[in-house]
C-alpha atoms as a PDB file:
ATOM      1  CA  MET A   1     104.250 121.783 134.835  1.00  0.00           C
ATOM      2  CA  ALA A   2     100.537 122.382 135.327  1.00  0.00           C
ATOM      3  CA  ARG A   3      99.103 122.244 138.834  1.00  0.00           C
ATOM      4  CA  ILE A   4      96.038 120.072 139.303  1.00  0.00           C
ATOM      5  CA  ALA A   5      95.096 122.349 142.266  1.00  0.00           C
ATOM      6  CA  TYR A   6      94.333 125.078 139.730  1.00  0.00           C
ATOM      7  CA  PHE A   7      91.677 122.994 138.033  1.00  0.00           C
ATOM      8  CA  ARG A   8      90.303 121.804 141.391  1.00  0.00           C
ATOM      9  CA  ARG A   9      89.892 125.447 142.497  1.00  0.00           C
ATOM     10  CA  ILE A  10      88.004 126.236 139.282  1.00  0.00           C
ATOM     11  CA  LEU A  11      85.634 123.292 139.809  1.00  0.00           C
ATOM     12  CA  LYS A  12      85.078 124.097 143.432  1.00  0.00           C
ATOM     13  CA  ASP A  13      84.828 127.903 143.612  1.00  0.00           C
ATOM     14  CA  ASP A  14      83.907 129.461 140.275  1.00  0.00           C
ATOM     15  CA  PHE A  15      80.635 128.289 138.828  1.00  0.00           C
ATOM     16  CA  PHE A  16      80.888 130.001 135.452  1.00  0.00           C
ATOM     17  CA  LYS A  17      84.493 128.893 134.893  1.00  0.00           C
ATOM     18  CA  ARG A  18      83.299 125.422 135.809  1.00  0.00           C
ATOM     19  CA  ILE A  19      80.767 125.505 132.948  1.00  0.00           C
ATOM     20  CA  LYS A  20      83.587 126.493 130.567  1.00  0.00           C
ATOM     21  CA  PHE A  21      85.811 123.698 131.947  1.00  0.00           C
ATOM     22  CA  PHE A  22      83.151 121.071 131.394  1.00  0.00           C
ATOM     23  CA  ALA A  23      82.422 122.328 127.900  1.00  0.00           C
ATOM     24  CA  GLU A  24      86.113 121.985 127.009  1.00  0.00           C
ATOM     25  CA  PHE A  25      87.183 118.828 128.848  1.00  0.00           C
ATOM     26  CA  LEU A  26      83.987 116.822 129.570  1.00  0.00           C
ATOM     27  CA  SER A  27      81.025 117.638 127.387  1.00  0.00           C
ATOM     28  CA  ALA A  28      77.454 116.392 127.728  1.00  0.00           C
ATOM     29  CA  ARG A  29      77.972 114.409 124.539  1.00  0.00           C
ATOM     30  CA  ASP A  30      80.841 112.480 126.128  1.00  0.00           C
ATOM     31  CA  ILE A  31      78.703 111.500 129.102  1.00  0.00           C
ATOM     32  CA  LEU A  32      75.738 110.495 126.944  1.00  0.00           C
ATOM     33  CA  ASP A  33      77.948 108.421 124.639  1.00  0.00           C
ATOM     34  CA  ALA A  34      79.428 106.602 127.618  1.00  0.00           C
ATOM     35  CA  ALA A  35      75.948 105.850 128.905  1.00  0.00           C
ATOM     36  CA  ALA A  36      74.876 104.602 125.467  1.00  0.00           C
ATOM     37  CA  VAL A  37      77.841 102.174 125.322  1.00  0.00           C
ATOM     38  CA  GLU A  38      76.520 100.524 128.488  1.00  0.00           C
ATOM     39  CA  ASN A  39      72.980 100.517 127.061  1.00  0.00           C
ATOM     40  CA  TYR A  40      71.978 102.621 130.053  1.00  0.00           C
ATOM     41  CA  HIS A  41      68.523 104.215 129.745  1.00  0.00           C
ATOM     42  CA  TRP A  42      66.988 107.007 131.756  1.00  0.00           C
ATOM     43  CA  ARG A  43      63.959 109.292 131.805  1.00  0.00           C
ATOM     44  CA  ASP A  44      64.528 112.741 130.331  1.00  0.00           C
ATOM     45  CA  ARG A  45      63.759 114.587 133.536  1.00  0.00           C
ATOM     46  CA  ILE A  46      65.789 116.599 136.057  1.00  0.00           C
ATOM     47  CA  TRP A  47      68.408 113.995 137.126  1.00  0.00           C
ATOM     48  CA  THR A  48      69.872 112.997 133.818  1.00  0.00           C
ATOM     49  CA  PRO A  49      73.350 111.331 133.776  1.00  0.00           C
ATOM     50  CA  ILE A  50      74.898 114.755 133.134  1.00  0.00           C
ATOM     51  CA  GLN A  51      73.215 116.492 136.038  1.00  0.00           C
ATOM     52  CA  THR A  52      73.746 113.518 138.387  1.00  0.00           C
ATOM     53  CA  LEU A  53      77.475 113.363 137.587  1.00  0.00           C
ATOM     54  CA  TRP A  54      77.764 117.098 138.125  1.00  0.00           C
ATOM     55  CA  ALA A  55      76.063 116.853 141.519  1.00  0.00           C
ATOM     56  CA  PHE A  56      78.330 113.981 142.514  1.00  0.00           C
ATOM     57  CA  LEU A  57      81.416 116.071 141.632  1.00  0.00           C
ATOM     58  CA  VAL A  58      80.074 118.838 143.876  1.00  0.00           C
ATOM     59  CA  GLN A  59      79.921 116.321 146.739  1.00  0.00           C
ATOM     60  CA  VAL A  60      83.487 115.131 146.082  1.00  0.00           C
ATOM     61  CA  LEU A  61      84.902 118.702 145.959  1.00  0.00           C
ATOM     62  CA  GLU A  62      83.118 120.044 149.029  1.00  0.00           C
ATOM     63  CA  PRO A  63      84.182 118.551 152.403  1.00  0.00           C
ATOM     64  CA  ASP A  64      81.405 116.775 154.293  1.00  0.00           C
ATOM     65  CA  CYS A  65      78.837 117.701 151.602  1.00  0.00           C
ATOM     66  CA  SER A  66      75.621 115.761 152.064  1.00  0.00           C
ATOM     67  CA  CYS A  67      73.313 114.685 149.238  1.00  0.00           C
ATOM     68  CA  ARG A  68      70.866 117.396 150.258  1.00  0.00           C
ATOM     69  CA  GLU A  69      73.555 120.079 150.152  1.00  0.00           C
ATOM     70  CA  ALA A  70      74.658 118.848 146.680  1.00  0.00           C
ATOM     71  CA  VAL A  71      71.103 119.129 145.395  1.00  0.00           C
ATOM     72  CA  ALA A  72      70.723 122.622 146.901  1.00  0.00           C
ATOM     73  CA  HIS A  73      73.962 123.582 145.200  1.00  0.00           C
ATOM     74  CA  ILE A  74      72.758 122.413 141.799  1.00  0.00           C
ATOM     75  CA  LEU A  75      69.442 124.256 142.231  1.00  0.00           C
ATOM     76  CA  ALA A  76      71.244 127.432 143.160  1.00  0.00           C
ATOM     77  CA  GLU A  77      73.446 127.164 140.058  1.00  0.00           C
ATOM     78  CA  GLN A  78      70.368 126.740 137.856  1.00  0.00           C
ATOM     79  CA  ALA A  79      68.814 129.837 139.370  1.00  0.00           C
ATOM     80  CA  ALA A  80      72.061 131.784 138.861  1.00  0.00           C
ATOM     81  CA  CYS A  81      71.947 130.906 135.168  1.00  0.00           C
ATOM     82  CA  GLY A  82      68.410 132.140 134.846  1.00  0.00           C
ATOM     83  CA  GLN A  83      66.988 128.636 134.414  1.00  0.00           C
ATOM     84  CA  GLN A  84      63.596 127.681 135.804  1.00  0.00           C
ATOM     85  CA  VAL A  85      64.094 125.599 138.982  1.00  0.00           C
ATOM     86  CA  THR A  86      61.579 122.772 138.934  1.00  0.00           C
ATOM     87  CA  ALA A  87      63.388 120.058 140.904  1.00  0.00           C
ATOM     88  CA  SER A  88      62.546 119.311 144.548  1.00  0.00           C
ATOM     89  CA  PRO A  89      65.224 119.998 147.161  1.00  0.00           C
ATOM     90  CA  ASP A  90      64.560 116.477 148.457  1.00  0.00           C
ATOM     91  CA  PRO A  91      67.680 114.424 147.554  1.00  0.00           C
ATOM     92  CA  SER A  92      65.879 111.074 147.096  1.00  0.00           C
ATOM     93  CA  ALA A  93      65.647 111.297 143.299  1.00  0.00           C
ATOM     94  CA  TYR A  94      69.302 112.339 143.023  1.00  0.00           C
ATOM     95  CA  CYS A  95      70.422 109.442 145.271  1.00  0.00           C
ATOM     96  CA  GLN A  96      68.450 106.965 143.155  1.00  0.00           C
ATOM     97  CA  GLY A  97      69.902 108.374 139.968  1.00  0.00           C
ATOM     98  CA  ARG A  98      73.461 108.194 141.290  1.00  0.00           C
ATOM     99  CA  GLN A  99      73.028 104.548 142.314  1.00  0.00           C
ATOM    100  CA  ARG A 100      71.844 103.661 138.821  1.00  0.00           C
ATOM    101  CA  LEU A 101      74.781 105.215 136.969  1.00  0.00           C
ATOM    102  CA  PRO A 102      77.128 102.479 135.657  1.00  0.00           C
ATOM    103  CA  LEU A 103      80.687 102.475 136.964  1.00  0.00           C
ATOM    104  CA  SER A 104      82.014 102.639 133.411  1.00  0.00           C
ATOM    105  CA  LEU A 105      80.487 106.088 133.016  1.00  0.00           C
ATOM    106  CA  PHE A 106      82.680 107.447 135.849  1.00  0.00           C
ATOM    107  CA  LYS A 107      85.725 105.692 134.373  1.00  0.00           C
ATOM    108  CA  SER A 108      85.034 107.144 130.967  1.00  0.00           C
ATOM    109  CA  ALA A 109      84.721 110.654 132.433  1.00  0.00           C
ATOM    110  CA  LEU A 110      88.039 110.214 134.255  1.00  0.00           C
ATOM    111  CA  ARG A 111      89.850 109.138 131.084  1.00  0.00           C
ATOM    112  CA  GLN A 112      88.270 111.851 128.924  1.00  0.00           C
ATOM    113  CA  VAL A 113      89.372 114.654 131.236  1.00  0.00           C
ATOM    114  CA  GLY A 114      92.909 113.202 131.599  1.00  0.00           C
ATOM    115  CA  GLN A 115      93.351 112.707 127.840  1.00  0.00           C
ATOM    116  CA  ARG A 116      92.101 116.172 126.927  1.00  0.00           C
ATOM    117  CA  LEU A 117      94.227 117.879 129.539  1.00  0.00           C
ATOM    118  CA  GLN A 118      97.217 116.009 128.117  1.00  0.00           C
ATOM    119  CA  ALA A 119      96.309 116.887 124.529  1.00  0.00           C
ATOM    120  CA  LYS A 120      95.982 120.571 125.516  1.00  0.00           C
ATOM    121  CA  ILE A 121      99.613 120.843 126.614  1.00  0.00           C
ATOM    122  CA  GLY A 122     100.884 118.604 123.751  1.00  0.00           C
ATOM    123  CA  SER A 123     104.639 118.059 123.845  1.00  0.00           C
ATOM    124  CA  ALA A 124     105.356 121.347 125.606  1.00  0.00           C
ATOM    125  CA  TYR A 125     106.132 119.526 128.838  1.00  0.00           C
ATOM    126  CA  SER A 126     108.046 116.300 128.169  1.00  0.00           C
ATOM    127  CA  TRP A 127     111.376 114.703 129.033  1.00  0.00           C
ATOM    128  CA  CYS A 128     113.706 114.423 126.039  1.00  0.00           C
ATOM    129  CA  GLY A 129     110.603 114.328 123.812  1.00  0.00           C
ATOM    130  CA  ARG A 130     108.986 111.525 125.867  1.00  0.00           C
ATOM    131  CA  ARG A 131     105.636 111.467 127.630  1.00  0.00           C
ATOM    132  CA  VAL A 132     106.238 111.036 131.341  1.00  0.00           C
ATOM    133  CA  TRP A 133     103.895 109.083 133.640  1.00  0.00           C
ATOM    134  CA  ILE A 134     103.914 108.703 137.414  1.00  0.00           C
ATOM    135  CA  VAL A 135     102.481 105.555 138.910  1.00  0.00           C
ATOM    136  CA  ASP A 136     101.620 105.133 142.575  1.00  0.00           C
ATOM    137  CA  GLY A 137      99.457 103.057 144.828  1.00  0.00           C
ATOM    138  CA  SER A 138      97.242 103.737 147.830  1.00  0.00           C
ATOM    139  CA  THR A 139      94.291 102.398 149.740  1.00  0.00           C
ATOM    140  CA  CYS A 140      90.879 103.781 150.767  1.00  0.00           C
ATOM    141  CA  SER A 141      88.301 102.694 153.327  1.00  0.00           C
ATOM    142  CA  MET A 142      84.622 102.267 152.577  1.00  0.00           C
ATOM    143  CA  PRO A 143      81.317 101.858 154.431  1.00  0.00           C
ATOM    144  CA  ASP A 144      81.090  98.645 156.403  1.00  0.00           C
ATOM    145  CA  THR A 145      78.544  96.702 154.335  1.00  0.00           C
ATOM    146  CA  PRO A 146      78.455  92.910 153.781  1.00  0.00           C
ATOM    147  CA  SER A 147      78.869  93.229 150.022  1.00  0.00           C
ATOM    148  CA  LEU A 148      81.927  95.522 150.309  1.00  0.00           C
ATOM    149  CA  GLN A 149      83.451  93.328 152.987  1.00  0.00           C
ATOM    150  CA  GLN A 150      83.082  90.314 150.721  1.00  0.00           C
ATOM    151  CA  SER A 151      84.499  92.097 147.654  1.00  0.00           C
ATOM    152  CA  PHE A 152      87.421  93.967 149.219  1.00  0.00           C
ATOM    153  CA  GLY A 153      88.162  92.591 152.685  1.00  0.00           C
ATOM    154  CA  GLN A 154      89.816  94.443 155.549  1.00  0.00           C
ATOM    155  CA  PRO A 155      93.320  94.591 157.135  1.00  0.00           C
ATOM    156  CA  ASP A 156      94.325  91.674 159.314  1.00  0.00           C
ATOM    157  CA  GLY A 157      94.858  93.965 162.294  1.00  0.00           C
ATOM    158  CA  GLN A 158      91.141  94.732 162.461  1.00  0.00           C
ATOM    159  CA  LYS A 159      88.887  92.234 164.181  1.00  0.00           C
ATOM    160  CA  PRO A 160      85.818  91.002 162.251  1.00  0.00           C
ATOM    161  CA  GLY A 161      82.910  93.322 162.819  1.00  0.00           C
ATOM    162  CA  CYS A 162      85.158  96.139 164.126  1.00  0.00           C
ATOM    163  CA  GLY A 163      86.782  97.366 160.932  1.00  0.00           C
ATOM    164  CA  PHE A 164      86.004  98.783 157.504  1.00  0.00           C
ATOM    165  CA  PRO A 165      86.552  97.242 154.056  1.00  0.00           C
ATOM    166  CA  VAL A 166      89.611  98.679 152.252  1.00  0.00           C
ATOM    167  CA  ALA A 167      90.292  98.855 148.529  1.00  0.00           C
ATOM    168  CA  ARG A 168      93.728  98.938 146.970  1.00  0.00           C
ATOM    169  CA  ILE A 169      94.297 101.512 144.197  1.00  0.00           C
ATOM    170  CA  VAL A 170      96.990 102.017 141.586  1.00  0.00           C
ATOM    171  CA  ALA A 171      96.773 105.217 139.560  1.00  0.00           C
ATOM    172  CA  MET A 172      98.590 106.467 136.466  1.00  0.00           C
ATOM    173  CA  PHE A 173      99.224 110.250 136.495  1.00  0.00           C
ATOM    174  CA  CYS A 174     100.304 112.520 133.680  1.00  0.00           C
ATOM    175  CA  TRP A 175     103.440 114.325 134.860  1.00  0.00           C
ATOM    176  CA  ALA A 176     102.715 117.379 132.654  1.00  0.00           C
ATOM    177  CA  THR A 177      99.185 118.073 133.926  1.00  0.00           C
ATOM    178  CA  GLY A 178      98.881 116.176 137.200  1.00  0.00           C
ATOM    179  CA  ALA A 179      95.703 114.547 135.912  1.00  0.00           C
ATOM    180  CA  VAL A 180      94.884 110.890 136.482  1.00  0.00           C
ATOM    181  CA  LEU A 181      94.772 109.098 133.176  1.00  0.00           C
ATOM    182  CA  ASP A 182      93.537 105.751 134.475  1.00  0.00           C
ATOM    183  CA  VAL A 183      93.106 103.813 137.693  1.00  0.00           C
ATOM    184  CA  ALA A 184      92.880 100.152 138.705  1.00  0.00           C
ATOM    185  CA  ILE A 185      91.018  99.103 141.880  1.00  0.00           C
ATOM    186  CA  GLY A 186      91.158  95.768 143.620  1.00  0.00           C
ATOM    187  CA  ALA A 187      90.678  93.996 146.936  1.00  0.00           C
ATOM    188  CA  TYR A 188      92.873  94.974 149.857  1.00  0.00           C
ATOM    189  CA  ARG A 189      95.075  91.883 149.419  1.00  0.00           C
ATOM    190  CA  SER A 190      95.540  92.549 145.675  1.00  0.00           C
ATOM    191  CA  SER A 191      99.021  92.910 144.329  1.00  0.00           C
ATOM    192  CA  GLU A 192      99.849  96.434 143.204  1.00  0.00           C
ATOM    193  CA  LEU A 193     101.925  94.913 140.437  1.00  0.00           C
ATOM    194  CA  ASN A 194      98.881  93.061 139.081  1.00  0.00           C
ATOM    195  CA  LEU A 195      96.768  96.212 139.286  1.00  0.00           C
ATOM    196  CA  TRP A 196      99.447  98.202 137.466  1.00  0.00           C
ATOM    197  CA  HIS A 197      99.553  95.569 134.774  1.00  0.00           C
ATOM    198  CA  GLN A 198      95.907  96.419 134.019  1.00  0.00           C
ATOM    199  CA  LEU A 199      96.977  99.871 132.968  1.00  0.00           C
ATOM    200  CA  TRP A 200      99.784  99.013 130.570  1.00  0.00           C
ATOM    201  CA  GLY A 201      97.515  99.413 127.593  1.00  0.00           C
ATOM    202  CA  GLN A 202      97.758 103.206 128.063  1.00  0.00           C
ATOM    203  CA  LEU A 203     101.497 103.193 127.368  1.00  0.00           C
ATOM    204  CA  HIS A 204     102.982 104.087 123.989  1.00  0.00           C
ATOM    205  CA  THR A 205     106.411 103.273 122.555  1.00  0.00           C
ATOM    206  CA  GLY A 206     108.989 105.666 124.039  1.00  0.00           C
ATOM    207  CA  ASP A 207     106.996 106.619 127.131  1.00  0.00           C
ATOM    208  CA  MET A 208     108.761 107.185 130.433  1.00  0.00           C
ATOM    209  CA  CYS A 209     107.360 105.838 133.707  1.00  0.00           C
ATOM    210  CA  TRP A 210     108.347 106.761 137.223  1.00  0.00           C
ATOM    211  CA  GLU A 211     107.196 104.253 139.810  1.00  0.00           C
ATOM    212  CA  THR A 212     107.443 104.212 143.548  1.00  0.00           C
ATOM    213  CA  VAL A 213     105.582 101.130 144.666  1.00  0.00           C
ATOM    214  CA  PHE A 214     107.096  98.049 143.054  1.00  0.00           C
ATOM    215  CA  SER A 215     109.959  95.714 143.857  1.00  0.00           C
ATOM    216  CA  ALA A 216     109.600  93.048 141.139  1.00  0.00           C
ATOM    217  CA  LEU A 217     111.904  95.025 138.811  1.00  0.00           C
ATOM    218  CA  ILE A 218     113.055  92.256 136.530  1.00  0.00           C
ATOM    219  CA  ALA A 219     109.556  91.022 135.708  1.00  0.00           C
ATOM    220  CA  ILE A 220     108.334  94.559 135.035  1.00  0.00           C
ATOM    221  CA  TRP A 221     111.350  95.421 132.905  1.00  0.00           C
ATOM    222  CA  GLN A 222     110.950  92.323 130.741  1.00  0.00           C
ATOM    223  CA  ASN A 223     107.451  93.433 129.858  1.00  0.00           C
ATOM    224  CA  TYR A 224     108.443  97.052 129.368  1.00  0.00           C
ATOM    225  CA  SER A 225     111.225  96.095 126.959  1.00  0.00           C
ATOM    226  CA  LYS A 226     108.699  94.478 124.611  1.00  0.00           C
ATOM    227  CA  ARG A 227     107.002  97.900 124.352  1.00  0.00           C
ATOM    228  CA  ALA A 228     110.260  99.903 124.190  1.00  0.00           C
ATOM    229  CA  VAL A 229     109.116 101.833 127.267  1.00  0.00           C
ATOM    230  CA  MET A 230     111.573 103.347 129.717  1.00  0.00           C
ATOM    231  CA  ALA A 231     111.042 102.824 133.461  1.00  0.00           C
ATOM    232  CA  SER A 232     112.537 104.364 136.551  1.00  0.00           C
ATOM    233  CA  PHE A 233     112.021 102.685 139.938  1.00  0.00           C
ATOM    234  CA  ALA A 234     112.397 104.203 143.362  1.00  0.00           C
ATOM    235  CA  CYS A 235     114.284 101.997 145.818  1.00  0.00           C
ATOM    236  CA  MET A 236     113.363 101.324 149.431  1.00  0.00           C
ATOM    237  CA  GLU A 237     117.045 101.823 150.442  1.00  0.00           C
ATOM    238  CA  PRO A 238     119.069 105.027 149.780  1.00  0.00           C
ATOM    239  CA  VAL A 239     121.069 104.977 146.518  1.00  0.00           C
ATOM    240  CA  HIS A 240     123.449 107.499 144.904  1.00  0.00           C
ATOM    241  CA  GLU A 241     121.608 107.493 141.533  1.00  0.00           C
ATOM    242  CA  PRO A 242     118.035 106.532 140.526  1.00  0.00           C
ATOM    243  CA  TRP A 243     117.538 103.271 138.754  1.00  0.00           C
ATOM    244  CA  ILE A 244     116.493 103.908 135.188  1.00  0.00           C
ATOM    245  CA  PHE A 245     115.910 101.205 132.630  1.00  0.00           C
ATOM    246  CA  GLY A 246     115.252 101.600 128.938  1.00  0.00           C
ATOM    247  CA  GLU A 247     116.876 102.614 125.744  1.00  0.00           C
ATOM    248  CA  ALA A 248     119.295 104.867 127.618  1.00  0.00           C
ATOM    249  CA  SER A 249     120.312 105.520 131.184  1.00  0.00           C
ATOM    250  CA  VAL A 250     120.977 108.794 132.980  1.00  0.00           C
END
């Protein structure tokens, strides 16, 4: 099974391998097409959607990387490639460009990378000829702003004005590559089952899902059976054998 840490190391440490990775798994054409779908327009200057997304990934991969450091990193990469560096090291233009990017562009980039990583390995890593997915949920905190508080809310244990808004996330991973194929995000009090339901369109007949976060097994299984999808659920209590539902049991 492929290790996602391998691809993370490429993106973080090796600039020229990173160029090759983007050319293979997330091309400039993909990003521009996603922007066109949203009718997003921009000036053809330094901080295009492609360059802005690249700088944002630098921030994500580098711990405690500020906007200024991300811009400096991009300028250094341009110089290393022999390109003429014309952009200012001031991060204001980058910050404005990042704020303007539509959320759907980031979602499209996520799905494109996941789908192409999966296509690259094909059926080499499967279980009894089936695609295998791992589904799990988590939460993440965000800056304490009025709009985020209103949209996501915060845990009950935090007093108003003393906590941070928290989002609930359910992600669908490809077992073979470790890549995230899709993700659903909701308010802190959202049901993980409802968020997972938003991702069911990614499943194909015969797929196998391993889930660790749900207890409403009957309701889930009734919907799975309509798609002829197998599902395995982890229990909160110890059991001798895993629960597996579908066309066959093991």
